[in-house]
PDB file of all heavy atoms in Angstrom:
ATOM      1  N   ASN A   1      50.364   8.734  72.453  1.00  0.00           N
ATOM      2  CA  ASN A   1      50.977   7.895  73.489  1.00  0.00           C
ATOM      3  C   ASN A   1      51.176   6.467  72.970  1.00  0.00           C
ATOM      4  O   ASN A   1      50.584   5.505  73.461  1.00  0.00           O
ATOM      5  CB  ASN A   1      50.113   7.886  74.751  1.00  0.00           C
ATOM      6  CG  ASN A   1      50.207   9.201  75.490  1.00  0.00           C
ATOM      7  OD1 ASN A   1      51.077  10.007  75.212  1.00  0.00           O
ATOM      8  ND2 ASN A   1      49.306   9.404  76.426  1.00  0.00           N
ATOM      9  N   THR A   2      52.037   6.360  71.956  1.00  0.00           N
ATOM     10  CA  THR A   2      52.375   5.043  71.421  1.00  0.00           C
ATOM     11  C   THR A   2      53.365   4.361  72.360  1.00  0.00           C
ATOM     12  O   THR A   2      53.822   4.942  73.345  1.00  0.00           O
ATOM     13  CB  THR A   2      52.993   5.190  70.021  1.00  0.00           C
ATOM     14  OG1 THR A   2      54.199   5.969  70.141  1.00  0.00           O
ATOM     15  CG2 THR A   2      52.040   5.901  69.067  1.00  0.00           C
ATOM     16  N   ASP A   3      53.708   3.120  72.037  1.00  0.00           N
ATOM     17  CA  ASP A   3      54.648   2.379  72.886  1.00  0.00           C
ATOM     18  C   ASP A   3      55.977   3.110  73.035  1.00  0.00           C
ATOM     19  O   ASP A   3      56.631   3.023  74.086  1.00  0.00           O
ATOM     20  CB  ASP A   3      54.895   0.981  72.298  1.00  0.00           C
ATOM     21  CG  ASP A   3      53.662   0.105  72.338  1.00  0.00           C
ATOM     22  OD1 ASP A   3      52.740   0.446  73.115  1.00  0.00           O
ATOM     23  OD2 ASP A   3      53.591  -0.894  71.601  1.00  0.00           O
ATOM     24  N   LEU A   4      56.373   3.839  71.984  1.00  0.00           N
ATOM     25  CA  LEU A   4      57.660   4.529  72.009  1.00  0.00           C
ATOM     26  C   LEU A   4      57.576   5.866  72.744  1.00  0.00           C
ATOM     27  O   LEU A   4      58.489   6.230  73.496  1.00  0.00           O
ATOM     28  CB  LEU A   4      58.154   4.747  70.580  1.00  0.00           C
ATOM     29  CG  LEU A   4      59.607   5.196  70.416  1.00  0.00           C
ATOM     30  CD1 LEU A   4      60.563   4.195  71.053  1.00  0.00           C
ATOM     31  CD2 LEU A   4      59.929   5.375  68.935  1.00  0.00           C
ATOM     32  N   PHE A   5      56.491   6.608  72.552  1.00  0.00           N
ATOM     33  CA  PHE A   5      56.355   7.934  73.153  1.00  0.00           C
ATOM     34  C   PHE A   5      55.806   7.908  74.577  1.00  0.00           C
ATOM     35  O   PHE A   5      56.071   8.816  75.367  1.00  0.00           O
ATOM     36  CB  PHE A   5      55.426   8.827  72.300  1.00  0.00           C
ATOM     37  CG  PHE A   5      56.001   9.198  70.970  1.00  0.00           C
ATOM     38  CD1 PHE A   5      55.207   9.216  69.835  1.00  0.00           C
ATOM     39  CD2 PHE A   5      57.343   9.519  70.846  1.00  0.00           C
ATOM     40  CE1 PHE A   5      55.735   9.564  68.606  1.00  0.00           C
ATOM     41  CE2 PHE A   5      57.884   9.869  69.609  1.00  0.00           C
ATOM     42  CZ  PHE A   5      57.074   9.886  68.491  1.00  0.00           C
ATOM     43  N   ASP A   6      55.040   6.876  74.885  1.00  0.00           N
ATOM     44  CA  ASP A   6      54.323   6.843  76.163  1.00  0.00           C
ATOM     45  C   ASP A   6      55.238   6.991  77.392  1.00  0.00           C
ATOM     46  O   ASP A   6      54.912   7.750  78.305  1.00  0.00           O
ATOM     47  CB  ASP A   6      53.503   5.553  76.264  1.00  0.00           C
ATOM     48  CG  ASP A   6      52.548   5.590  77.449  1.00  0.00           C
ATOM     49  OD1 ASP A   6      51.727   6.523  77.515  1.00  0.00           O
ATOM     50  OD2 ASP A   6      52.646   4.701  78.317  1.00  0.00           O
ATOM     51  N   PRO A   7      56.390   6.303  77.464  1.00  0.00           N
ATOM     52  CA  PRO A   7      57.242   6.459  78.660  1.00  0.00           C
ATOM     53  C   PRO A   7      57.692   7.898  78.892  1.00  0.00           C
ATOM     54  O   PRO A   7      57.818   8.335  80.043  1.00  0.00           O
ATOM     55  CB  PRO A   7      58.442   5.550  78.348  1.00  0.00           C
ATOM     56  CG  PRO A   7      57.939   4.558  77.368  1.00  0.00           C
ATOM     57  CD  PRO A   7      56.952   5.294  76.532  1.00  0.00           C
ATOM     58  N   THR A   8      57.914   8.638  77.803  1.00  0.00           N
ATOM     59  CA  THR A   8      58.349  10.032  77.942  1.00  0.00           C
ATOM     60  C   THR A   8      57.213  10.903  78.444  1.00  0.00           C
ATOM     61  O   THR A   8      57.389  11.694  79.379  1.00  0.00           O
ATOM     62  CB  THR A   8      58.865  10.564  76.592  1.00  0.00           C
ATOM     63  OG1 THR A   8      59.871   9.688  76.093  1.00  0.00           O
ATOM     64  CG2 THR A   8      59.439  11.958  76.755  1.00  0.00           C
ATOM     65  N   PHE A   9      56.037  10.787  77.840  1.00  0.00           N
ATOM     66  CA  PHE A   9      54.911  11.630  78.237  1.00  0.00           C
ATOM     67  C   PHE A   9      54.373  11.268  79.617  1.00  0.00           C
ATOM     68  O   PHE A   9      53.692  12.080  80.252  1.00  0.00           O
ATOM     69  CB  PHE A   9      53.791  11.562  77.189  1.00  0.00           C
ATOM     70  CG  PHE A   9      54.125  12.287  75.914  1.00  0.00           C
ATOM     71  CD1 PHE A   9      54.025  11.656  74.688  1.00  0.00           C
ATOM     72  CD2 PHE A   9      54.561  13.597  75.944  1.00  0.00           C
ATOM     73  CE1 PHE A   9      54.339  12.314  73.514  1.00  0.00           C
ATOM     74  CE2 PHE A   9      54.882  14.270  74.781  1.00  0.00           C
ATOM     75  CZ  PHE A   9      54.775  13.630  73.561  1.00  0.00           C
ATOM     76  N   ARG A  10      54.672  10.066  80.094  1.00  0.00           N
ATOM     77  CA  ARG A  10      54.301   9.698  81.455  1.00  0.00           C
ATOM     78  C   ARG A  10      55.378  10.070  82.470  1.00  0.00           C
ATOM     79  O   ARG A  10      55.179   9.925  83.681  1.00  0.00           O
ATOM     80  CB  ARG A  10      54.039   8.190  81.548  1.00  0.00           C
ATOM     81  CG  ARG A  10      52.745   7.744  80.894  1.00  0.00           C
ATOM     82  CD  ARG A  10      52.537   6.250  81.083  1.00  0.00           C
ATOM     83  NE  ARG A  10      51.297   5.805  80.514  1.00  0.00           N
ATOM     84  CZ  ARG A  10      50.117   5.841  81.139  1.00  0.00           C
ATOM     85  NH1 ARG A  10      50.055   6.308  82.382  1.00  0.00           N
ATOM     86  NH2 ARG A  10      49.030   5.417  80.544  1.00  0.00           N
ATOM     87  N   GLY A  11      56.526  10.504  81.975  1.00  0.00           N
ATOM     88  CA  GLY A  11      57.619  10.879  82.871  1.00  0.00           C
ATOM     89  C   GLY A  11      58.320   9.691  83.503  1.00  0.00           C
ATOM     90  O   GLY A  11      58.917   9.812  84.572  1.00  0.00           O
ATOM     91  N   GLU A  12      58.280   8.537  82.824  1.00  0.00           N
ATOM     92  CA  GLU A  12      58.839   7.318  83.422  1.00  0.00           C
ATOM     93  C   GLU A  12      60.359   7.229  83.301  1.00  0.00           C
ATOM     94  O   GLU A  12      60.994   6.484  84.041  1.00  0.00           O
ATOM     95  CB  GLU A  12      58.181   6.093  82.776  1.00  0.00           C
ATOM     96  CG  GLU A  12      56.690   5.983  83.100  1.00  0.00           C
ATOM     97  CD  GLU A  12      56.022   4.837  82.365  1.00  0.00           C
ATOM     98  OE1 GLU A  12      56.709   4.196  81.522  1.00  0.00           O
ATOM     99  OE2 GLU A  12      54.830   4.576  82.609  1.00  0.00           O
ATOM    100  N   GLY A  13      60.950   7.952  82.374  1.00  0.00           N
ATOM    101  CA  GLY A  13      62.402   7.904  82.248  1.00  0.00           C
ATOM    102  C   GLY A  13      62.860   8.176  80.837  1.00  0.00           C
ATOM    103  O   GLY A  13      62.062   8.440  79.925  1.00  0.00           O
ATOM    104  N   VAL A  14      64.179   8.082  80.646  1.00  0.00           N
ATOM    105  CA  VAL A  14      64.811   8.373  79.363  1.00  0.00           C
ATOM    106  C   VAL A  14      64.655   7.178  78.420  1.00  0.00           C
ATOM    107  O   VAL A  14      64.744   6.023  78.832  1.00  0.00           O
ATOM    108  CB  VAL A  14      66.312   8.682  79.565  1.00  0.00           C
ATOM    109  CG1 VAL A  14      67.018   8.871  78.225  1.00  0.00           C
ATOM    110  CG2 VAL A  14      66.478   9.921  80.442  1.00  0.00           C
ATOM    111  N   VAL A  15      64.423   7.486  77.150  1.00  0.00           N
ATOM    112  CA  VAL A  15      64.443   6.469  76.104  1.00  0.00           C
ATOM    113  C   VAL A  15      65.585   6.845  75.150  1.00  0.00           C
ATOM    114  O   VAL A  15      65.571   7.911  74.546  1.00  0.00           O
ATOM    115  CB  VAL A  15      63.109   6.400  75.335  1.00  0.00           C
ATOM    116  CG1 VAL A  15      63.212   5.382  74.208  1.00  0.00           C
ATOM    117  CG2 VAL A  15      61.973   6.057  76.282  1.00  0.00           C
ATOM    118  N   ARG A  16      66.585   5.965  75.053  1.00  0.00           N
ATOM    119  CA  ARG A  16      67.734   6.223  74.174  1.00  0.00           C
ATOM    120  C   ARG A  16      68.021   4.976  73.352  1.00  0.00           C
ATOM    121  O   ARG A  16      68.071   3.873  73.897  1.00  0.00           O
ATOM    122  CB  ARG A  16      68.958   6.611  74.995  1.00  0.00           C
ATOM    123  CG  ARG A  16      70.238   6.766  74.172  1.00  0.00           C
ATOM    124  CD  ARG A  16      71.285   7.569  74.922  1.00  0.00           C
ATOM    125  NE  ARG A  16      71.704   6.975  76.173  1.00  0.00           N
ATOM    126  CZ  ARG A  16      72.823   6.274  76.346  1.00  0.00           C
ATOM    127  NH1 ARG A  16      73.620   6.043  75.322  1.00  0.00           N
ATOM    128  NH2 ARG A  16      73.138   5.804  77.530  1.00  0.00           N
ATOM    129  N   SER A  17      68.207   5.170  72.057  1.00  0.00           N
ATOM    130  CA  SER A  17      68.453   4.022  71.180  1.00  0.00           C
ATOM    131  C   SER A  17      69.507   4.405  70.143  1.00  0.00           C
ATOM    132  O   SER A  17      69.405   5.456  69.510  1.00  0.00           O
ATOM    133  CB  SER A  17      67.166   3.601  70.472  1.00  0.00           C
ATOM    134  OG  SER A  17      67.421   2.595  69.525  1.00  0.00           O
ATOM    135  N   PRO A  18      70.534   3.542  69.950  1.00  0.00           N
ATOM    136  CA  PRO A  18      71.524   3.815  68.903  1.00  0.00           C
ATOM    137  C   PRO A  18      70.930   3.683  67.503  1.00  0.00           C
ATOM    138  O   PRO A  18      71.395   4.302  66.552  1.00  0.00           O
ATOM    139  CB  PRO A  18      72.604   2.758  69.151  1.00  0.00           C
ATOM    140  CG  PRO A  18      71.909   1.659  69.878  1.00  0.00           C
ATOM    141  CD  PRO A  18      70.840   2.309  70.696  1.00  0.00           C
ATOM    142  N   ASP A  19      69.863   2.857  67.385  1.00  0.00           N
ATOM    143  CA  ASP A  19      69.150   2.713  66.114  1.00  0.00           C
ATOM    144  C   ASP A  19      67.699   2.390  66.450  1.00  0.00           C
ATOM    145  O   ASP A  19      67.372   1.249  66.795  1.00  0.00           O
ATOM    146  CB  ASP A  19      69.770   1.609  65.251  1.00  0.00           C
ATOM    147  CG  ASP A  19      69.193   1.588  63.843  1.00  0.00           C
ATOM    148  OD1 ASP A  19      68.072   2.117  63.652  1.00  0.00           O
ATOM    149  OD2 ASP A  19      69.859   1.053  62.941  1.00  0.00           O
ATOM    150  N   ILE A  20      66.862   3.403  66.376  1.00  0.00           N
ATOM    151  CA  ILE A  20      65.479   3.247  66.822  1.00  0.00           C
ATOM    152  C   ILE A  20      64.730   2.217  65.986  1.00  0.00           C
ATOM    153  O   ILE A  20      63.753   1.605  66.445  1.00  0.00           O
ATOM    154  CB  ILE A  20      64.748   4.617  66.788  1.00  0.00           C
ATOM    155  CG1 ILE A  20      63.475   4.565  67.619  1.00  0.00           C
ATOM    156  CG2 ILE A  20      64.476   5.066  65.370  1.00  0.00           C
ATOM    157  CD1 ILE A  20      63.709   4.276  69.086  1.00  0.00           C
ATOM    158  N   ARG A  21      65.203   1.978  64.784  1.00  0.00           N
ATOM    159  CA  ARG A  21      64.538   0.992  63.920  1.00  0.00           C
ATOM    160  C   ARG A  21      64.675  -0.423  64.463  1.00  0.00           C
ATOM    161  O   ARG A  21      63.889  -1.312  64.094  1.00  0.00           O
ATOM    162  CB  ARG A  21      65.108   1.073  62.499  1.00  0.00           C
ATOM    163  CG  ARG A  21      64.894   2.433  61.840  1.00  0.00           C
ATOM    164  CD  ARG A  21      65.741   2.571  60.596  1.00  0.00           C
ATOM    165  NE  ARG A  21      67.173   2.462  60.894  1.00  0.00           N
ATOM    166  CZ  ARG A  21      68.140   2.626  59.993  1.00  0.00           C
ATOM    167  NH1 ARG A  21      67.822   2.888  58.738  1.00  0.00           N
ATOM    168  NH2 ARG A  21      69.410   2.510  60.348  1.00  0.00           N
ATOM    169  N   GLU A  22      65.680  -0.622  65.337  1.00  0.00           N
ATOM    170  CA  GLU A  22      65.889  -1.938  65.930  1.00  0.00           C
ATOM    171  C   GLU A  22      65.194  -2.088  67.283  1.00  0.00           C
ATOM    172  O   GLU A  22      65.231  -3.166  67.876  1.00  0.00           O
ATOM    173  CB  GLU A  22      67.390  -2.202  66.111  1.00  0.00           C
ATOM    174  CG  GLU A  22      68.208  -2.088  64.840  1.00  0.00           C
ATOM    175  CD  GLU A  22      67.784  -3.118  63.800  1.00  0.00           C
ATOM    176  OE1 GLU A  22      67.394  -4.230  64.220  1.00  0.00           O
ATOM    177  OE2 GLU A  22      67.837  -2.817  62.595  1.00  0.00           O
ATOM    178  N   ASP A  23      64.598  -1.008  67.769  1.00  0.00           N
ATOM    179  CA  ASP A  23      63.934  -1.042  69.078  1.00  0.00           C
ATOM    180  C   ASP A  23      62.643  -1.854  68.974  1.00  0.00           C
ATOM    181  O   ASP A  23      61.860  -1.670  68.028  1.00  0.00           O
ATOM    182  CB  ASP A  23      63.619   0.392  69.538  1.00  0.00           C
ATOM    183  CG  ASP A  23      63.202   0.450  70.992  1.00  0.00           C
ATOM    184  OD1 ASP A  23      62.086  -0.013  71.308  1.00  0.00           O
ATOM    185  OD2 ASP A  23      63.973   0.966  71.819  1.00  0.00           O
ATOM    186  N   PRO A  24      62.379  -2.761  69.918  1.00  0.00           N
ATOM    187  CA  PRO A  24      61.169  -3.605  69.826  1.00  0.00           C
ATOM    188  C   PRO A  24      59.864  -2.807  69.916  1.00  0.00           C
ATOM    189  O   PRO A  24      58.814  -3.296  69.501  1.00  0.00           O
ATOM    190  CB  PRO A  24      61.313  -4.570  71.012  1.00  0.00           C
ATOM    191  CG  PRO A  24      62.286  -3.910  71.939  1.00  0.00           C
ATOM    192  CD  PRO A  24      63.222  -3.122  71.071  1.00  0.00           C
ATOM    193  N   ARG A  25      59.932  -1.582  70.447  1.00  0.00           N
ATOM    194  CA  ARG A  25      58.713  -0.763  70.554  1.00  0.00           C
ATOM    195  C   ARG A  25      58.403  -0.016  69.267  1.00  0.00           C
ATOM    196  O   ARG A  25      57.330   0.566  69.122  1.00  0.00           O
ATOM    197  CB  ARG A  25      58.872   0.247  71.697  1.00  0.00           C
ATOM    198  CG  ARG A  25      58.927  -0.367  73.074  1.00  0.00           C
ATOM    199  CD  ARG A  25      59.425   0.614  74.114  1.00  0.00           C
ATOM    200  NE  ARG A  25      60.832   0.957  73.909  1.00  0.00           N
ATOM    201  CZ  ARG A  25      61.570   1.641  74.768  1.00  0.00           C
ATOM    202  NH1 ARG A  25      61.029   2.060  75.898  1.00  0.00           N
ATOM    203  NH2 ARG A  25      62.829   1.905  74.507  1.00  0.00           N
ATOM    204  N   TYR A  26      59.367  -0.008  68.346  1.00  0.00           N
ATOM    205  CA  TYR A  26      59.220   0.764  67.109  1.00  0.00           C
ATOM    206  C   TYR A  26      58.326   0.032  66.103  1.00  0.00           C
ATOM    207  O   TYR A  26      58.422  -1.179  65.933  1.00  0.00           O
ATOM    208  CB  TYR A  26      60.606   0.996  66.500  1.00  0.00           C
ATOM    209  CG  TYR A  26      60.590   1.725  65.183  1.00  0.00           C
ATOM    210  CD1 TYR A  26      60.417   3.095  65.115  1.00  0.00           C
ATOM    211  CD2 TYR A  26      60.751   1.022  63.989  1.00  0.00           C
ATOM    212  CE1 TYR A  26      60.423   3.757  63.900  1.00  0.00           C
ATOM    213  CE2 TYR A  26      60.752   1.668  62.765  1.00  0.00           C
ATOM    214  CZ  TYR A  26      60.587   3.041  62.724  1.00  0.00           C
ATOM    215  OH  TYR A  26      60.580   3.692  61.521  1.00  0.00           O
ATOM    216  N   GLY A  27      57.452   0.806  65.446  1.00  0.00           N
ATOM    217  CA  GLY A  27      56.659   0.263  64.351  1.00  0.00           C
ATOM    218  C   GLY A  27      55.517  -0.623  64.763  1.00  0.00           C
ATOM    219  O   GLY A  27      55.038  -1.431  63.951  1.00  0.00           O
ATOM    220  N   ARG A  28      55.036  -0.476  65.995  1.00  0.00           N
ATOM    221  CA  ARG A  28      53.969  -1.367  66.469  1.00  0.00           C
ATOM    222  C   ARG A  28      52.594  -0.728  66.453  1.00  0.00           C
ATOM    223  O   ARG A  28      51.602  -1.381  66.757  1.00  0.00           O
ATOM    224  CB  ARG A  28      54.282  -1.833  67.898  1.00  0.00           C
ATOM    225  CG  ARG A  28      55.529  -2.683  67.997  1.00  0.00           C
ATOM    226  CD  ARG A  28      55.817  -3.085  69.428  1.00  0.00           C
ATOM    227  NE  ARG A  28      54.694  -3.773  70.060  1.00  0.00           N
ATOM    228  CZ  ARG A  28      54.651  -4.180  71.315  1.00  0.00           C
ATOM    229  NH1 ARG A  28      55.712  -3.976  72.090  1.00  0.00           N
ATOM    230  NH2 ARG A  28      53.595  -4.796  71.809  1.00  0.00           N
ATOM    231  N   ASN A  29      52.513   0.569  66.123  1.00  0.00           N
ATOM    232  CA  ASN A  29      51.235   1.266  66.230  1.00  0.00           C
ATOM    233  C   ASN A  29      50.760   1.782  64.872  1.00  0.00           C
ATOM    234  O   ASN A  29      51.549   2.250  64.052  1.00  0.00           O
ATOM    235  CB  ASN A  29      51.354   2.449  67.201  1.00  0.00           C
ATOM    236  CG  ASN A  29      51.707   1.996  68.605  1.00  0.00           C
ATOM    237  OD1 ASN A  29      52.877   1.953  68.976  1.00  0.00           O
ATOM    238  ND2 ASN A  29      50.703   1.636  69.389  1.00  0.00           N
ATOM    239  N   SER A  30      49.442   1.667  64.666  1.00  0.00           N
ATOM    240  CA  SER A  30      48.836   2.181  63.440  1.00  0.00           C
ATOM    241  C   SER A  30      48.764   3.704  63.539  1.00  0.00           C
ATOM    242  O   SER A  30      48.852   4.258  64.637  1.00  0.00           O
ATOM    243  CB  SER A  30      47.432   1.570  63.288  1.00  0.00           C
ATOM    244  OG  SER A  30      46.611   1.992  64.376  1.00  0.00           O
ATOM    245  N   PRO A  31      48.602   4.419  62.444  1.00  0.00           N
ATOM    246  CA  PRO A  31      48.400   3.874  61.079  1.00  0.00           C
ATOM    247  C   PRO A  31      49.699   3.696  60.309  1.00  0.00           C
ATOM    248  O   PRO A  31      49.699   3.103  59.236  1.00  0.00           O
ATOM    249  CB  PRO A  31      47.539   4.960  60.434  1.00  0.00           C
ATOM    250  CG  PRO A  31      48.013   6.238  61.070  1.00  0.00           C
ATOM    251  CD  PRO A  31      48.358   5.879  62.491  1.00  0.00           C
ATOM    252  N   HIS A  32      50.832   4.205  60.822  1.00  0.00           N
ATOM    253  CA  HIS A  32      52.067   4.213  60.024  1.00  0.00           C
ATOM    254  C   HIS A  32      52.937   2.985  60.269  1.00  0.00           C
ATOM    255  O   HIS A  32      53.712   2.599  59.390  1.00  0.00           O
ATOM    256  CB  HIS A  32      52.875   5.476  60.339  1.00  0.00           C
ATOM    257  CG  HIS A  32      52.125   6.748  60.102  1.00  0.00           C
ATOM    258  ND1 HIS A  32      51.751   7.155  58.838  1.00  0.00           N
ATOM    259  CD2 HIS A  32      51.662   7.706  60.963  1.00  0.00           C
ATOM    260  CE1 HIS A  32      51.104   8.308  58.922  1.00  0.00           C
ATOM    261  NE2 HIS A  32      51.035   8.660  60.200  1.00  0.00           N
ATOM    262  N   TYR A  33      52.833   2.392  61.465  1.00  0.00           N
ATOM    263  CA  TYR A  33      53.681   1.251  61.841  1.00  0.00           C
ATOM    264  C   TYR A  33      55.162   1.558  61.561  1.00  0.00           C
ATOM    265  O   TYR A  33      55.874   0.794  60.922  1.00  0.00           O
ATOM    266  CB  TYR A  33      53.251  -0.011  61.085  1.00  0.00           C
ATOM    267  CG  TYR A  33      51.866  -0.448  61.462  1.00  0.00           C
ATOM    268  CD1 TYR A  33      50.787  -0.137  60.633  1.00  0.00           C
ATOM    269  CD2 TYR A  33      51.626  -1.117  62.663  1.00  0.00           C
ATOM    270  CE1 TYR A  33      49.498  -0.513  60.988  1.00  0.00           C
ATOM    271  CE2 TYR A  33      50.333  -1.505  63.013  1.00  0.00           C
ATOM    272  CZ  TYR A  33      49.276  -1.196  62.186  1.00  0.00           C
ATOM    273  OH  TYR A  33      48.014  -1.566  62.535  1.00  0.00           O
ATOM    274  N   GLY A  34      55.587   2.693  62.097  1.00  0.00           N
ATOM    275  CA  GLY A  34      56.969   3.127  61.898  1.00  0.00           C
ATOM    276  C   GLY A  34      57.001   4.588  61.513  1.00  0.00           C
ATOM    277  O   GLY A  34      56.084   5.360  61.822  1.00  0.00           O
TER     278      GLY A  34
END
């Protein structure tokens, strides 16, 4: 349940990004940070 996956697993709504690398939620969680 990282910042990117958490909204989906909580059923909060759709997450859509034309380039996920530019999303502010991307790359914020250890251990991979991306």
